[in-house]
Protein backbone atom coordinates (compact mmCIF):
# COMPACT_ATOMS: atom_id res chain seq x y z
CA GLN A 1 -97.06 -110.66 185.40
CA VAL A 2 -98.48 -110.97 181.88
CA HIS A 3 -101.79 -109.20 181.41
CA LEU A 4 -104.03 -108.97 178.33
CA ALA A 5 -107.02 -106.63 178.24
CA GLU A 6 -109.62 -106.61 175.48
CA SER A 7 -111.82 -103.67 174.58
CA GLY A 8 -114.15 -102.55 171.80
CA GLY A 9 -116.97 -105.05 172.10
CA GLY A 10 -120.59 -104.00 171.97
CA SER A 11 -123.89 -104.42 170.19
CA VAL A 12 -124.38 -103.88 166.48
CA GLN A 13 -126.92 -104.73 163.82
CA ALA A 14 -126.21 -107.29 161.13
CA GLY A 15 -123.99 -105.85 158.44
CA GLY A 16 -122.28 -103.51 160.86
CA SER A 17 -118.68 -103.31 162.02
CA LEU A 18 -116.74 -103.40 165.26
CA ARG A 19 -113.06 -103.04 166.08
CA LEU A 20 -111.65 -105.01 168.98
CA SER A 21 -108.36 -104.17 170.65
CA CYS A 22 -106.14 -106.09 173.03
CA ALA A 23 -103.55 -104.26 175.08
CA ALA A 24 -100.67 -106.12 176.67
CA SER A 25 -98.64 -105.35 179.73
CA GLY A 26 -95.89 -107.17 181.55
CA TYR A 27 -94.09 -108.30 178.43
CA SER A 28 -93.18 -107.23 174.93
CA TYR A 29 -95.54 -108.20 172.11
CA PRO A 30 -92.85 -108.82 169.47
CA THR A 31 -91.80 -112.05 171.20
CA TYR A 32 -95.27 -113.63 170.96
CA TYR A 33 -97.63 -114.86 168.29
CA LEU A 34 -101.19 -113.71 168.92
CA ALA A 35 -104.76 -114.64 168.20
CA TRP A 36 -108.42 -113.92 168.70
CA PHE A 37 -110.82 -116.62 169.87
CA ARG A 38 -114.53 -116.55 170.52
CA GLN A 39 -117.03 -118.59 172.44
CA ALA A 40 -120.78 -118.43 172.09
CA PRO A 41 -123.13 -119.79 174.77
CA GLY A 42 -123.36 -123.54 174.55
CA LYS A 43 -120.62 -123.78 171.95
CA GLU A 44 -116.96 -124.68 172.01
CA ARG A 45 -114.26 -122.03 171.85
CA GLU A 46 -113.33 -121.23 168.26
CA GLY A 47 -110.13 -119.77 166.89
CA VAL A 48 -111.00 -116.75 164.75
CA ALA A 49 -107.70 -115.28 163.56
CA SER A 50 -104.02 -115.54 164.36
CA ILE A 51 -100.96 -113.44 163.52
CA SER A 52 -97.34 -114.48 163.78
CA ARG A 53 -94.41 -112.55 165.11
CA ALA A 54 -93.46 -111.86 161.48
CA GLY A 55 -96.96 -110.65 160.60
CA ASN A 56 -98.39 -113.49 158.54
CA THR A 57 -101.99 -114.31 159.30
CA GLN A 58 -104.45 -117.20 159.51
CA TYR A 59 -108.24 -117.03 159.58
CA ALA A 60 -111.11 -119.35 160.28
CA ASP A 61 -113.13 -120.03 157.15
CA SER A 62 -116.19 -118.49 158.78
CA VAL A 63 -114.56 -115.03 158.97
CA LYS A 64 -112.32 -114.92 155.90
CA GLY A 65 -112.89 -111.77 153.89
CA ARG A 66 -114.79 -110.11 156.75
CA PHE A 67 -112.32 -109.94 159.65
CA THR A 68 -108.79 -108.55 159.67
CA ILE A 69 -106.23 -109.16 162.40
CA SER A 70 -103.30 -106.80 162.88
CA ARG A 71 -100.68 -105.98 165.45
CA ASP A 72 -98.73 -102.90 166.48
CA ASN A 73 -95.60 -104.04 168.23
CA THR A 74 -94.56 -100.50 169.16
CA ARG A 75 -97.77 -100.06 171.15
CA ASN A 76 -98.16 -103.69 172.30
CA THR A 77 -101.63 -103.75 170.74
CA LEU A 78 -103.54 -106.43 168.86
CA THR A 79 -106.58 -105.48 166.78
CA LEU A 80 -109.45 -107.34 165.13
CA GLN A 81 -111.43 -105.36 162.57
CA MET A 82 -114.78 -107.06 162.06
CA ASN A 83 -116.93 -106.10 159.08
CA SER A 84 -120.19 -107.46 157.70
CA LEU A 85 -121.05 -108.86 161.10
CA GLN A 86 -123.75 -111.51 161.31
CA PRO A 87 -125.81 -112.83 164.23
CA GLU A 88 -123.68 -115.98 164.25
CA ASP A 89 -120.69 -113.81 165.16
CA THR A 90 -122.27 -113.15 168.55
CA ALA A 91 -119.88 -114.40 171.22
CA MET A 92 -117.40 -113.48 173.89
CA TYR A 93 -114.14 -112.63 172.16
CA TYR A 94 -110.77 -113.31 173.74
CA CYS A 95 -107.23 -112.38 172.79
CA ALA A 96 -104.40 -114.81 173.44
CA ALA A 97 -100.61 -114.84 173.28
CA GLY A 98 -98.29 -117.78 172.68
CA VAL A 99 -94.57 -118.41 172.83
CA SER A 100 -92.68 -119.91 169.92
CA PRO A 101 -89.11 -119.77 168.65
CA THR A 102 -90.52 -119.68 165.11
CA ALA A 103 -91.25 -116.20 163.76
CA TYR A 104 -93.89 -117.40 161.30
CA ARG A 105 -96.03 -119.55 163.57
CA THR A 106 -99.78 -119.03 163.74
CA SER A 107 -102.41 -121.26 165.30
CA LEU A 108 -106.17 -121.39 165.75
CA SER A 109 -105.89 -124.01 168.47
CA GLY A 110 -106.44 -122.78 171.99
CA SER A 111 -103.93 -125.25 173.41
CA ALA A 112 -101.15 -123.38 171.59
CA TYR A 113 -101.53 -120.28 173.75
CA ASN A 114 -100.09 -119.45 177.13
CA TYR A 115 -101.90 -116.26 178.09
CA TRP A 116 -105.50 -115.11 177.77
CA GLY A 117 -107.50 -111.97 178.32
CA GLN A 118 -110.82 -111.77 180.17
CA GLY A 119 -112.89 -111.25 177.04
CA THR A 120 -115.18 -108.67 175.49
CA GLN A 121 -118.77 -109.34 174.42
CA VAL A 122 -119.90 -108.90 170.84
CA THR A 123 -123.61 -109.06 170.11
CA VAL A 124 -125.01 -108.87 166.58
CA SER A 125 -128.74 -108.51 166.10
CA SER A 126 -130.66 -109.35 162.95
């Protein structure tokens, strides 16, 4: 049984930072490409950042230069470092894992992912 569990969400003022983590169990991270998504109330789910099995990354334009995605395959952990947070970053954040034979694949499309966590709330106040 594949299980993803996010942690690290919370409330912060604009300009602040948060670090989200996603722990995996039931499978080995190195075989999956990974991503962070977010969904704000009344809005569609948005791909935020993705990292391939090989470690290359892809970011949404809205977070480039502010967010950093990384993975630790030895600990089966995915991380999203979020700096310079703004109120528009307020959302539920989800981690996701996808299967691909290609080591360099990334994707910000939700349909590309097979497994999802339950989410962690991030709230940024002005």
